[in-house]
PDB file of N, CA and C in Angstrom:
ATOM      1  N   MET A   1       1.227  -1.051 -23.489  1.00  0.00           N
ATOM      2  CA  MET A   1       0.734  -1.062 -22.515  1.00  0.00           C
ATOM      3  C   MET A   1       0.898   0.062 -21.284  1.00  0.00           C
ATOM      4  N   ASP A   2       0.195   0.467 -20.855  1.00  0.00           N
ATOM      5  CA  ASP A   2       0.603   1.627 -19.748  1.00  0.00           C
ATOM      6  C   ASP A   2       0.490   1.350 -18.426  1.00  0.00           C
ATOM      7  N   VAL A   3       0.981   1.609 -17.538  1.00  0.00           N
ATOM      8  CA  VAL A   3       0.415   0.714 -15.956  1.00  0.00           C
ATOM      9  C   VAL A   3       0.211   2.171 -15.384  1.00  0.00           C
ATOM     10  N   GLU A   4      -0.848   2.893 -14.805  1.00  0.00           N
ATOM     11  CA  GLU A   4      -1.451   3.707 -14.126  1.00  0.00           C
ATOM     12  C   GLU A   4      -1.134   3.419 -12.648  1.00  0.00           C
ATOM     13  N   MET A   5       0.087   4.260 -11.744  1.00  0.00           N
ATOM     14  CA  MET A   5      -0.249   3.611 -10.595  1.00  0.00           C
ATOM     15  C   MET A   5      -1.669   4.143  -9.174  1.00  0.00           C
ATOM     16  N   TYR A   6      -1.074   3.191  -8.619  1.00  0.00           N
ATOM     17  CA  TYR A   6      -2.829   3.378  -7.547  1.00  0.00           C
ATOM     18  C   TYR A   6      -3.583   3.555  -8.508  1.00  0.00           C
ATOM     19  N   LYS A   7      -3.941   2.559  -9.102  1.00  0.00           N
ATOM     20  CA  LYS A   7      -5.373   2.766  -9.860  1.00  0.00           C
ATOM     21  C   LYS A   7      -5.527   1.288 -10.742  1.00  0.00           C
ATOM     22  N   ASP A   8      -5.039   1.139 -11.760  1.00  0.00           N
ATOM     23  CA  ASP A   8      -4.736  -0.191 -12.628  1.00  0.00           C
ATOM     24  C   ASP A   8      -4.395  -1.728 -11.933  1.00  0.00           C
ATOM     25  N   LEU A   9      -5.443  -2.680 -11.865  1.00  0.00           N
ATOM     26  CA  LEU A   9      -5.118  -3.423 -11.285  1.00  0.00           C
ATOM     27  C   LEU A   9      -4.479  -4.795 -12.386  1.00  0.00           C
ATOM     28  N   ILE A  10      -3.441  -5.639 -11.464  1.00  0.00           N
ATOM     29  CA  ILE A  10      -2.826  -6.600 -12.118  1.00  0.00           C
ATOM     30  C   ILE A  10      -3.529  -7.903 -11.471  1.00  0.00           C
ATOM     31  N   ARG A  11      -4.059  -8.863 -12.339  1.00  0.00           N
ATOM     32  CA  ARG A  11      -4.399  -9.880 -11.284  1.00  0.00           C
ATOM     33  C   ARG A  11      -3.399 -11.215 -12.337  1.00  0.00           C
ATOM     34  N   ASP A  12      -2.788 -11.669 -11.732  1.00  0.00           N
ATOM     35  CA  ASP A  12      -1.862 -12.980 -11.607  1.00  0.00           C
ATOM     36  C   ASP A  12      -2.772 -14.005 -12.150  1.00  0.00           C
ATOM     37  N   GLU A  13      -1.819 -15.520 -12.620  1.00  0.00           N
ATOM     38  CA  GLU A  13      -2.926 -16.687 -12.518  1.00  0.00           C
ATOM     39  C   GLU A  13      -3.080 -17.800 -11.658  1.00  0.00           C
ATOM     40  N   ARG A  14      -3.096 -17.100 -10.062  1.00  0.00           N
ATOM     41  CA  ARG A  14      -4.007 -17.539  -8.947  1.00  0.00           C
ATOM     42  C   ARG A  14      -5.384 -17.170  -8.821  1.00  0.00           C
ATOM     43  N   GLY A  15      -5.228 -15.643  -9.650  1.00  0.00           N
ATOM     44  CA  GLY A  15      -6.604 -15.113  -9.208  1.00  0.00           C
ATOM     45  C   GLY A  15      -6.342 -13.999  -8.035  1.00  0.00           C
ATOM     46  N   ASN A  16      -5.103 -13.101  -7.545  1.00  0.00           N
ATOM     47  CA  ASN A  16      -4.418 -12.579  -6.722  1.00  0.00           C
ATOM     48  C   ASN A  16      -4.138 -11.361  -7.204  1.00  0.00           C
ATOM     49  N   TYR A  17      -4.544  -9.969  -6.504  1.00  0.00           N
ATOM     50  CA  TYR A  17      -4.639  -8.686  -7.795  1.00  0.00           C
ATOM     51  C   TYR A  17      -3.875  -8.114  -6.712  1.00  0.00           C
ATOM     52  N   TYR A  18      -2.881  -7.270  -7.591  1.00  0.00           N
ATOM     53  CA  TYR A  18      -1.841  -6.650  -6.970  1.00  0.00           C
ATOM     54  C   TYR A  18      -1.901  -4.703  -7.736  1.00  0.00           C
ATOM     55  N   ILE A  19      -1.313  -3.966  -7.306  1.00  0.00           N
ATOM     56  CA  ILE A  19      -1.254  -2.696  -7.462  1.00  0.00           C
ATOM     57  C   ILE A  19       0.234  -2.291  -7.366  1.00  0.00           C
ATOM     58  N   ALA A  20       0.173  -1.566  -8.433  1.00  0.00           N
ATOM     59  CA  ALA A  20       2.016  -0.642  -8.968  1.00  0.00           C
ATOM     60  C   ALA A  20       1.856   0.294  -7.611  1.00  0.00           C
ATOM     61  N   VAL A  21       2.886   0.181  -7.032  1.00  0.00           N
ATOM     62  CA  VAL A  21       3.171   1.373  -6.851  1.00  0.00           C
ATOM     63  C   VAL A  21       4.176   2.584  -6.460  1.00  0.00           C
ATOM     64  N   GLN A  22       4.978   2.028  -8.034  1.00  0.00           N
ATOM     65  CA  GLN A  22       6.101   2.622  -7.962  1.00  0.00           C
ATOM     66  C   GLN A  22       6.246   2.349 -10.110  1.00  0.00           C
ATOM     67  N   ILE A  23       6.469   3.651 -10.199  1.00  0.00           N
ATOM     68  CA  ILE A  23       7.282   2.869 -11.924  1.00  0.00           C
ATOM     69  C   ILE A  23       8.702   4.087 -12.182  1.00  0.00           C
ATOM     70  N   GLU A  24       9.375   3.577 -12.316  1.00  0.00           N
ATOM     71  CA  GLU A  24      10.881   4.062 -13.020  1.00  0.00           C
ATOM     72  C   GLU A  24      11.035   2.844 -14.137  1.00  0.00           C
ATOM     73  N   GLY A  25      11.000   3.769 -15.078  1.00  0.00           N
ATOM     74  CA  GLY A  25      11.385   2.988 -16.180  1.00  0.00           C
ATOM     75  C   GLY A  25      10.586   1.890 -16.854  1.00  0.00           C
ATOM     76  N   ASN A  26      11.315   1.322 -16.996  1.00  0.00           N
ATOM     77  CA  ASN A  26      10.090  -0.267 -17.189  1.00  0.00           C
ATOM     78  C   ASN A  26      10.342  -1.275 -15.904  1.00  0.00           C
ATOM     79  N   GLU A  27      10.782  -0.502 -14.445  1.00  0.00           N
ATOM     80  CA  GLU A  27      10.849  -1.003 -13.748  1.00  0.00           C
ATOM     81  C   GLU A  27       9.365  -1.305 -13.022  1.00  0.00           C
ATOM     82  N   LEU A  28       8.728  -2.105 -12.580  1.00  0.00           N
ATOM     83  CA  LEU A  28       7.244  -1.755 -12.428  1.00  0.00           C
ATOM     84  C   LEU A  28       7.185  -2.495 -10.451  1.00  0.00           C
ATOM     85  N   THR A  29       6.598  -1.948  -9.589  1.00  0.00           N
ATOM     86  CA  THR A  29       6.930  -2.369  -8.054  1.00  0.00           C
ATOM     87  C   THR A  29       4.982  -2.379  -7.919  1.00  0.00           C
ATOM     88  N   LEU A  30       5.011  -3.771  -7.300  1.00  0.00           N
ATOM     89  CA  LEU A  30       3.434  -4.469  -7.099  1.00  0.00           C
ATOM     90  C   LEU A  30       3.430  -4.466  -5.724  1.00  0.00           C
ATOM     91  N   VAL A  31       2.352  -3.958  -5.198  1.00  0.00           N
ATOM     92  CA  VAL A  31       2.164  -4.734  -3.565  1.00  0.00           C
ATOM     93  C   VAL A  31       0.507  -5.679  -3.999  1.00  0.00           C
ATOM     94  N   ASN A  32       0.462  -7.164  -3.664  1.00  0.00           N
ATOM     95  CA  ASN A  32      -1.057  -6.817  -3.126  1.00  0.00           C
ATOM     96  C   ASN A  32      -1.860  -6.217  -2.814  1.00  0.00           C
ATOM     97  N   ALA A  33      -3.048  -5.691  -3.687  1.00  0.00           N
ATOM     98  CA  ALA A  33      -4.168  -4.810  -3.827  1.00  0.00           C
ATOM     99  C   ALA A  33      -5.187  -4.642  -2.381  1.00  0.00           C
ATOM    100  N   PHE A  34      -5.284  -5.879  -1.612  1.00  0.00           N
ATOM    101  CA  PHE A  34      -5.888  -6.373  -0.560  1.00  0.00           C
ATOM    102  C   PHE A  34      -5.152  -5.369   0.641  1.00  0.00           C
ATOM    103  N   VAL A  35      -3.645  -5.967   0.379  1.00  0.00           N
ATOM    104  CA  VAL A  35      -3.144  -5.194   1.315  1.00  0.00           C
ATOM    105  C   VAL A  35      -3.229  -3.558   1.318  1.00  0.00           C
ATOM    106  N   GLU A  36      -3.182  -3.044   0.031  1.00  0.00           N
ATOM    107  CA  GLU A  36      -2.958  -1.481  -0.228  1.00  0.00           C
ATOM    108  C   GLU A  36      -4.448  -1.080   0.490  1.00  0.00           C
ATOM    109  N   ALA A  37      -5.646  -1.818  -0.178  1.00  0.00           N
ATOM    110  CA  ALA A  37      -6.957  -1.407   0.355  1.00  0.00           C
ATOM    111  C   ALA A  37      -6.949  -1.183   1.971  1.00  0.00           C
ATOM    112  N   SER A  38      -6.180  -2.223   2.537  1.00  0.00           N
ATOM    113  CA  SER A  38      -6.400  -2.301   4.212  1.00  0.00           C
ATOM    114  C   SER A  38      -5.522  -0.768   4.503  1.00  0.00           C
ATOM    115  N   PHE A  39      -4.598  -0.180   3.481  1.00  0.00           N
ATOM    116  CA  PHE A  39      -4.102   1.002   4.464  1.00  0.00           C
ATOM    117  C   PHE A  39      -4.571   2.243   4.291  1.00  0.00           C
ATOM    118  N   THR A  40      -6.151   2.584   3.384  1.00  0.00           N
ATOM    119  CA  THR A  40      -6.646   3.347   3.144  1.00  0.00           C
ATOM    120  C   THR A  40      -7.060   4.431   4.339  1.00  0.00           C
ATOM    121  N   PRO A  41      -6.341   5.681   4.207  1.00  0.00           N
ATOM    122  CA  PRO A  41      -7.044   6.346   5.289  1.00  0.00           C
ATOM    123  C   PRO A  41      -8.498   6.213   5.696  1.00  0.00           C
ATOM    124  N   GLU A  42      -9.168   6.077   5.043  1.00  0.00           N
ATOM    125  CA  GLU A  42     -10.560   5.612   5.802  1.00  0.00           C
ATOM    126  C   GLU A  42     -10.719   4.366   6.648  1.00  0.00           C
ATOM    127  N   LEU A  43      -9.668   3.961   7.088  1.00  0.00           N
ATOM    128  CA  LEU A  43      -9.534   3.088   7.355  1.00  0.00           C
ATOM    129  C   LEU A  43      -9.019   2.511   9.014  1.00  0.00           C
ATOM    130  N   ILE A  44      -8.318   4.223   9.762  1.00  0.00           N
ATOM    131  CA  ILE A  44      -7.294   4.195  10.213  1.00  0.00           C
ATOM    132  C   ILE A  44      -8.473   4.309  11.380  1.00  0.00           C
ATOM    133  N   TYR A  45      -8.203   3.461  12.579  1.00  0.00           N
ATOM    134  CA  TYR A  45      -9.205   3.178  13.042  1.00  0.00           C
ATOM    135  C   TYR A  45      -8.693   4.332  14.426  1.00  0.00           C
ATOM    136  N   ASN A  46      -9.994   5.301  14.602  1.00  0.00           N
ATOM    137  CA  ASN A  46     -10.172   5.867  15.748  1.00  0.00           C
ATOM    138  C   ASN A  46     -11.600   6.268  15.864  1.00  0.00           C
ATOM    139  N   GLU A  47     -11.754   7.473  16.547  1.00  0.00           N
ATOM    140  CA  GLU A  47     -13.695   7.853  16.763  1.00  0.00           C
ATOM    141  C   GLU A  47     -14.540   7.889  15.715  1.00  0.00           C
ATOM    142  N   GLU A  48     -13.666   8.630  14.443  1.00  0.00           N
ATOM    143  CA  GLU A  48     -14.778   8.693  13.513  1.00  0.00           C
ATOM    144  C   GLU A  48     -15.186   7.161  12.868  1.00  0.00           C
ATOM    145  N   PHE A  49     -13.799   6.283  12.730  1.00  0.00           N
ATOM    146  CA  PHE A  49     -14.106   4.989  12.147  1.00  0.00           C
ATOM    147  C   PHE A  49     -15.049   4.586  13.160  1.00  0.00           C
ATOM    148  N   ARG A  50     -15.117   4.180  14.394  1.00  0.00           N
ATOM    149  CA  ARG A  50     -16.110   3.386  15.048  1.00  0.00           C
ATOM    150  C   ARG A  50     -17.509   3.715  14.667  1.00  0.00           C
ATOM    151  N   ASN A  51     -17.812   5.396  14.814  1.00  0.00           N
ATOM    152  CA  ASN A  51     -19.315   6.224  14.789  1.00  0.00           C
ATOM    153  C   ASN A  51     -19.412   5.394  13.506  1.00  0.00           C
ATOM    154  N   LYS A  52     -18.655   5.536  11.918  1.00  0.00           N
ATOM    155  CA  LYS A  52     -19.294   5.098  10.800  1.00  0.00           C
ATOM    156  C   LYS A  52     -20.169   3.790  10.703  1.00  0.00           C
ATOM    157  N   HIS A  53     -18.694   2.899  11.263  1.00  0.00           N
ATOM    158  CA  HIS A  53     -18.905   1.383  11.035  1.00  0.00           C
ATOM    159  C   HIS A  53     -19.497   0.630  12.647  1.00  0.00           C
ATOM    160  N   LYS A  54     -20.692   1.144  13.827  1.00  0.00           N
ATOM    161  CA  LYS A  54     -21.015   0.475  14.228  1.00  0.00           C
ATOM    162  C   LYS A  54     -21.639  -0.813  13.979  1.00  0.00           C
ATOM    163  N   GLU A  55     -22.164  -0.660  12.629  1.00  0.00           N
ATOM    164  CA  GLU A  55     -22.722  -2.169  12.466  1.00  0.00           C
ATOM    165  C   GLU A  55     -21.946  -3.426  12.230  1.00  0.00           C
ATOM    166  N   MET A  56     -20.852  -3.046  12.027  1.00  0.00           N
ATOM    167  CA  MET A  56     -19.778  -4.055  11.999  1.00  0.00           C
ATOM    168  C   MET A  56     -19.404  -4.516  13.521  1.00  0.00           C
ATOM    169  N   GLU A  57     -19.692  -4.242  14.683  1.00  0.00           N
ATOM    170  CA  GLU A  57     -19.542  -4.709  15.911  1.00  0.00           C
ATOM    171  C   GLU A  57     -19.511  -5.973  15.962  1.00  0.00           C
ATOM    172  N   GLY A  58     -18.205  -6.946  16.117  1.00  0.00           N
ATOM    173  CA  GLY A  58     -18.238  -8.144  15.853  1.00  0.00           C
ATOM    174  C   GLY A  58     -17.992  -8.999  14.603  1.00  0.00           C
ATOM    175  N   GLY A  59     -18.260  -8.261  13.615  1.00  0.00           N
ATOM    176  CA  GLY A  59     -17.642  -8.132  12.249  1.00  0.00           C
ATOM    177  C   GLY A  59     -16.099  -8.631  12.453  1.00  0.00           C
ATOM    178  N   PHE A  60     -16.134  -8.454  10.714  1.00  0.00           N
ATOM    179  CA  PHE A  60     -14.774  -8.467  10.429  1.00  0.00           C
ATOM    180  C   PHE A  60     -14.862  -7.411   9.755  1.00  0.00           C
ATOM    181  N   VAL A  61     -13.274  -6.372  10.210  1.00  0.00           N
ATOM    182  CA  VAL A  61     -12.920  -5.810   9.387  1.00  0.00           C
ATOM    183  C   VAL A  61     -11.953  -5.761   8.520  1.00  0.00           C
ATOM    184  N   GLY A  62     -11.707  -6.631   8.225  1.00  0.00           N
ATOM    185  CA  GLY A  62     -11.157  -6.956   6.521  1.00  0.00           C
ATOM    186  C   GLY A  62     -12.383  -6.842   5.473  1.00  0.00           C
ATOM    187  N   LYS A  63     -13.205  -7.013   5.640  1.00  0.00           N
ATOM    188  CA  LYS A  63     -14.768  -6.629   4.849  1.00  0.00           C
ATOM    189  C   LYS A  63     -15.086  -5.336   4.237  1.00  0.00           C
ATOM    190  N   ILE A  64     -14.243  -4.263   4.668  1.00  0.00           N
ATOM    191  CA  ILE A  64     -14.104  -3.079   4.060  1.00  0.00           C
ATOM    192  C   ILE A  64     -13.445  -2.807   3.160  1.00  0.00           C
ATOM    193  N   ALA A  65     -11.868  -3.730   3.197  1.00  0.00           N
ATOM    194  CA  ALA A  65     -11.071  -3.762   2.375  1.00  0.00           C
ATOM    195  C   ALA A  65     -11.385  -4.628   0.975  1.00  0.00           C
ATOM    196  N   MET A  66     -11.886  -5.551   1.099  1.00  0.00           N
ATOM    197  CA  MET A  66     -12.528  -6.698   0.669  1.00  0.00           C
ATOM    198  C   MET A  66     -13.619  -5.978  -0.573  1.00  0.00           C
ATOM    199  N   ASP A  67     -14.219  -5.300   0.079  1.00  0.00           N
ATOM    200  CA  ASP A  67     -15.301  -4.751  -0.357  1.00  0.00           C
ATOM    201  C   ASP A  67     -14.573  -3.682  -1.335  1.00  0.00           C
ATOM    202  N   LEU A  68     -13.388  -2.608  -0.952  1.00  0.00           N
ATOM    203  CA  LEU A  68     -13.269  -1.657  -1.758  1.00  0.00           C
ATOM    204  C   LEU A  68     -12.333  -2.198  -3.285  1.00  0.00           C
ATOM    205  N   LEU A  69     -12.024  -2.951  -2.769  1.00  0.00           N
ATOM    206  CA  LEU A  69     -10.924  -3.903  -4.039  1.00  0.00           C
ATOM    207  C   LEU A  69     -12.304  -4.597  -4.488  1.00  0.00           C
ATOM    208  N   ARG A  70     -12.870  -5.488  -4.413  1.00  0.00           N
ATOM    209  CA  ARG A  70     -13.979  -5.465  -4.719  1.00  0.00           C
ATOM    210  C   ARG A  70     -14.303  -4.936  -6.158  1.00  0.00           C
ATOM    211  N   HIS A  71     -15.002  -3.415  -5.358  1.00  0.00           N
ATOM    212  CA  HIS A  71     -14.911  -2.350  -6.444  1.00  0.00           C
ATOM    213  C   HIS A  71     -14.480  -2.140  -7.155  1.00  0.00           C
ATOM    214  N   ASP A  72     -13.020  -1.843  -6.609  1.00  0.00           N
ATOM    215  CA  ASP A  72     -11.981  -1.349  -8.141  1.00  0.00           C
ATOM    216  C   ASP A  72     -11.889  -2.902  -9.022  1.00  0.00           C
ATOM    217  N   VAL A  73     -12.377  -4.078  -8.628  1.00  0.00           N
ATOM    218  CA  VAL A  73     -11.898  -4.695  -9.682  1.00  0.00           C
ATOM    219  C   VAL A  73     -13.122  -4.848 -10.766  1.00  0.00           C
ATOM    220  N   VAL A  74     -14.835  -4.422 -10.526  1.00  0.00           N
ATOM    221  CA  VAL A  74     -15.585  -4.246 -11.133  1.00  0.00           C
ATOM    222  C   VAL A  74     -15.404  -3.183 -11.997  1.00  0.00           C
ATOM    223  N   MET A  75     -14.757  -2.453 -11.582  1.00  0.00           N
ATOM    224  CA  MET A  75     -14.687  -1.115 -12.508  1.00  0.00           C
ATOM    225  C   MET A  75     -13.328  -1.709 -13.513  1.00  0.00           C
ATOM    226  N   GLY A  76     -12.566  -2.050 -13.079  1.00  0.00           N
ATOM    227  CA  GLY A  76     -11.403  -2.791 -14.173  1.00  0.00           C
ATOM    228  C   GLY A  76     -12.107  -3.495 -14.866  1.00  0.00           C
ATOM    229  N   LEU A  77     -12.541  -4.511 -14.818  1.00  0.00           N
ATOM    230  CA  LEU A  77     -13.738  -5.363 -15.676  1.00  0.00           C
ATOM    231  C   LEU A  77     -14.334  -4.694 -16.472  1.00  0.00           C
ATOM    232  N   LYS A  78     -15.060  -3.065 -16.333  1.00  0.00           N
ATOM    233  CA  LYS A  78     -15.671  -2.469 -17.078  1.00  0.00           C
ATOM    234  C   LYS A  78     -14.973  -1.343 -17.774  1.00  0.00           C
ATOM    235  N   GLN A  79     -13.649  -1.047 -17.758  1.00  0.00           N
ATOM    236  CA  GLN A  79     -12.670  -0.231 -18.156  1.00  0.00           C
ATOM    237  C   GLN A  79     -13.298   1.127 -17.710  1.00  0.00           C
ATOM    238  N   ILE A  80     -13.772   0.979 -16.285  1.00  0.00           N
ATOM    239  CA  ILE A  80     -14.569   2.689 -15.605  1.00  0.00           C
ATOM    240  C   ILE A  80     -13.185   2.547 -14.935  1.00  0.00           C
ATOM    241  N   ASP A  81     -12.784   3.882 -15.193  1.00  0.00           N
ATOM    242  CA  ASP A  81     -11.817   4.062 -14.425  1.00  0.00           C
ATOM    243  C   ASP A  81     -10.617   3.823 -14.284  1.00  0.00           C
ATOM    244  N   ARG A  82     -10.078   2.654 -14.547  1.00  0.00           N
ATOM    245  CA  ARG A  82      -9.046   2.333 -14.208  1.00  0.00           C
ATOM    246  C   ARG A  82      -9.370   0.698 -15.117  1.00  0.00           C
ATOM    247  N   LYS A  83      -8.197  -0.124 -15.173  1.00  0.00           N
ATOM    248  CA  LYS A  83      -7.806  -1.446 -16.390  1.00  0.00           C
ATOM    249  C   LYS A  83      -7.762  -2.191 -15.241  1.00  0.00           C
ATOM    250  N   LEU A  84      -7.776  -3.398 -16.111  1.00  0.00           N
ATOM    251  CA  LEU A  84      -7.611  -4.951 -15.363  1.00  0.00           C
ATOM    252  C   LEU A  84      -6.642  -5.741 -16.031  1.00  0.00           C
ATOM    253  N   LEU A  85      -5.501  -5.648 -15.769  1.00  0.00           N
ATOM    254  CA  LEU A  85      -4.826  -6.047 -16.231  1.00  0.00           C
ATOM    255  C   LEU A  85      -4.211  -7.439 -16.425  1.00  0.00           C
ATOM    256  N   GLU A  86      -3.537  -8.660 -17.405  1.00  0.00           N
ATOM    257  CA  GLU A  86      -3.305 -10.197 -16.488  1.00  0.00           C
ATOM    258  C   GLU A  86      -1.598  -9.845 -16.554  1.00  0.00           C
ATOM    259  N   LEU A  87      -1.049 -10.192 -15.269  1.00  0.00           N
ATOM    260  CA  LEU A  87      -0.046 -10.201 -14.806  1.00  0.00           C
ATOM    261  C   LEU A  87       1.168 -10.279 -16.112  1.00  0.00           C
ATOM    262  N   SER A  88       0.738 -11.874 -16.432  1.00  0.00           N
ATOM    263  CA  SER A  88       1.733 -12.351 -18.352  1.00  0.00           C
ATOM    264  C   SER A  88       2.232 -11.618 -19.049  1.00  0.00           C
ATOM    265  N   GLU A  89       0.799 -10.588 -18.999  1.00  0.00           N
ATOM    266  CA  GLU A  89       1.471  -9.098 -19.990  1.00  0.00           C
ATOM    267  C   GLU A  89       1.731  -8.139 -19.982  1.00  0.00           C
ATOM    268  N   VAL A  90       1.686  -8.072 -18.590  1.00  0.00           N
ATOM    269  CA  VAL A  90       2.698  -6.723 -18.182  1.00  0.00           C
ATOM    270  C   VAL A  90       4.148  -7.070 -17.414  1.00  0.00           C
ATOM    271  N   GLU A  91       4.157  -9.186 -17.529  1.00  0.00           N
ATOM    272  CA  GLU A  91       5.809  -8.882 -17.500  1.00  0.00           C
ATOM    273  C   GLU A  91       6.589  -8.620 -18.773  1.00  0.00           C
ATOM    274  N   GLN A  92       5.950  -8.463 -19.975  1.00  0.00           N
ATOM    275  CA  GLN A  92       5.893  -8.670 -21.162  1.00  0.00           C
ATOM    276  C   GLN A  92       7.053  -7.093 -21.624  1.00  0.00           C
ATOM    277  N   LYS A  93       6.551  -6.312 -21.151  1.00  0.00           N
ATOM    278  CA  LYS A  93       7.091  -4.851 -20.413  1.00  0.00           C
ATOM    279  C   LYS A  93       7.490  -4.130 -19.969  1.00  0.00           C
ATOM    280  N   TYR A  94       7.274  -4.674 -18.291  1.00  0.00           N
ATOM    281  CA  TYR A  94       8.009  -4.836 -17.391  1.00  0.00           C
ATOM    282  C   TYR A  94       9.272  -5.565 -16.726  1.00  0.00           C
ATOM    283  N   THR A  95      10.068  -5.218 -15.870  1.00  0.00           N
ATOM    284  CA  THR A  95      10.501  -5.751 -15.024  1.00  0.00           C
ATOM    285  C   THR A  95       9.943  -6.021 -13.576  1.00  0.00           C
ATOM    286  N   VAL A  96       8.803  -6.650 -13.239  1.00  0.00           N
ATOM    287  CA  VAL A  96       8.354  -6.070 -11.945  1.00  0.00           C
ATOM    288  C   VAL A  96       9.119  -7.017 -10.761  1.00  0.00           C
ATOM    289  N   ASN A  97       9.091  -6.451  -9.731  1.00  0.00           N
ATOM    290  CA  ASN A  97       9.003  -6.308  -8.493  1.00  0.00           C
ATOM    291  C   ASN A  97       7.591  -6.286  -7.335  1.00  0.00           C
ATOM    292  N   TYR A  98       8.425  -7.356  -6.263  1.00  0.00           N
ATOM    293  CA  TYR A  98       7.220  -6.857  -5.162  1.00  0.00           C
ATOM    294  C   TYR A  98       7.158  -6.876  -3.881  1.00  0.00           C
ATOM    295  N   ILE A  99       6.526  -5.718  -3.400  1.00  0.00           N
ATOM    296  CA  ILE A  99       6.721  -5.536  -1.486  1.00  0.00           C
ATOM    297  C   ILE A  99       5.753  -6.355  -1.241  1.00  0.00           C
ATOM    298  N   ASP A 100       7.061  -7.252  -0.437  1.00  0.00           N
ATOM    299  CA  ASP A 100       6.459  -8.575   0.112  1.00  0.00           C
ATOM    300  C   ASP A 100       5.518  -8.320   1.499  1.00  0.00           C
ATOM    301  N   THR A 101       4.316  -8.976   1.532  1.00  0.00           N
ATOM    302  CA  THR A 101       3.118  -8.306   1.830  1.00  0.00           C
ATOM    303  C   THR A 101       3.550  -8.614   3.439  1.00  0.00           C
ATOM    304  N   ILE A 102       4.562  -9.229   3.619  1.00  0.00           N
ATOM    305  CA  ILE A 102       4.766  -9.672   5.436  1.00  0.00           C
ATOM    306  C   ILE A 102       5.589  -8.658   6.088  1.00  0.00           C
ATOM    307  N   GLU A 103       6.386  -7.782   4.928  1.00  0.00           N
ATOM    308  CA  GLU A 103       6.808  -6.496   5.351  1.00  0.00           C
ATOM    309  C   GLU A 103       5.561  -5.417   5.498  1.00  0.00           C
ATOM    310  N   PHE A 104       6.405  -4.562   6.263  1.00  0.00           N
ATOM    311  CA  PHE A 104       5.140  -3.218   6.976  1.00  0.00           C
ATOM    312  C   PHE A 104       5.332  -2.457   5.676  1.00  0.00           C
ATOM    313  N   TYR A 105       3.967  -2.660   5.730  1.00  0.00           N
ATOM    314  CA  TYR A 105       3.584  -1.952   4.237  1.00  0.00           C
ATOM    315  C   TYR A 105       2.171   0.057   4.417  1.00  0.00           C
ATOM    316  N   ARG A 106       3.383   0.562   4.075  1.00  0.00           N
ATOM    317  CA  ARG A 106       2.654   1.864   4.517  1.00  0.00           C
ATOM    318  C   ARG A 106       2.103   2.331   2.974  1.00  0.00           C
ATOM    319  N   HIS A 107       1.395   2.978   3.389  1.00  0.00           N
ATOM    320  CA  HIS A 107       0.354   3.437   2.272  1.00  0.00           C
ATOM    321  C   HIS A 107       0.747   5.305   2.455  1.00  0.00           C
ATOM    322  N   PRO A 108       1.134   5.679   1.286  1.00  0.00           N
ATOM    323  CA  PRO A 108       1.675   7.269   1.040  1.00  0.00           C
ATOM    324  C   PRO A 108       0.945   7.951   1.649  1.00  0.00           C
ATOM    325  N   ALA A 109      -0.456   7.957   1.488  1.00  0.00           N
ATOM    326  CA  ALA A 109      -1.465   9.205   2.004  1.00  0.00           C
ATOM    327  C   ALA A 109      -1.226   9.167   4.210  1.00  0.00           C
ATOM    328  N   TRP A 110      -0.978   7.708   4.388  1.00  0.00           N
ATOM    329  CA  TRP A 110      -0.999   7.772   5.750  1.00  0.00           C
ATOM    330  C   TRP A 110      -0.184   8.281   6.579  1.00  0.00           C
ATOM    331  N   GLU A 111      -0.502   8.766   7.333  1.00  0.00           N
ATOM    332  CA  GLU A 111       0.973   9.730   7.836  1.00  0.00           C
ATOM    333  C   GLU A 111       0.694   9.756   9.633  1.00  0.00           C
ATOM    334  N   ARG A 112       1.622   9.190  10.037  1.00  0.00           N
ATOM    335  CA  ARG A 112       1.930   8.795  11.157  1.00  0.00           C
ATOM    336  C   ARG A 112       1.698  10.037  12.176  1.00  0.00           C
ATOM    337  N   LYS A 113       0.793   9.614  13.735  1.00  0.00           N
ATOM    338  CA  LYS A 113       0.601  11.010  14.257  1.00  0.00           C
ATOM    339  C   LYS A 113       1.879  10.814  15.544  1.00  0.00           C
ATOM    340  N   ALA A 114       2.678  11.501  15.732  1.00  0.00           N
ATOM    341  CA  ALA A 114       3.101  11.090  16.554  1.00  0.00           C
ATOM    342  C   ALA A 114       2.431  11.581  18.246  1.00  0.00           C
TER     343      ALA A 114
END
């Protein structure tokens, strides 16, 4: 079993989803997939975002990230462009490390503007 970074989803026994952000040999680093989806460049709060998501006024911004994750889960279930793997199976091949979600996680595509 090979895990593809930033693509395949890994589900634990409680129904949490993770995505690999680093693979070095047999060590795999995972981050919560909702956290990953929350840091997509599409969700940078700027004028473009406000114009695109005017209908969300008064709603929950987290819905967008959850919709992105839901899409990835469905694609993983259908094995379209990604896989949905069980954590227990992944742990048989890899030593798994986690990025704690209370740490500041920065998606590599996000560039801080000075």
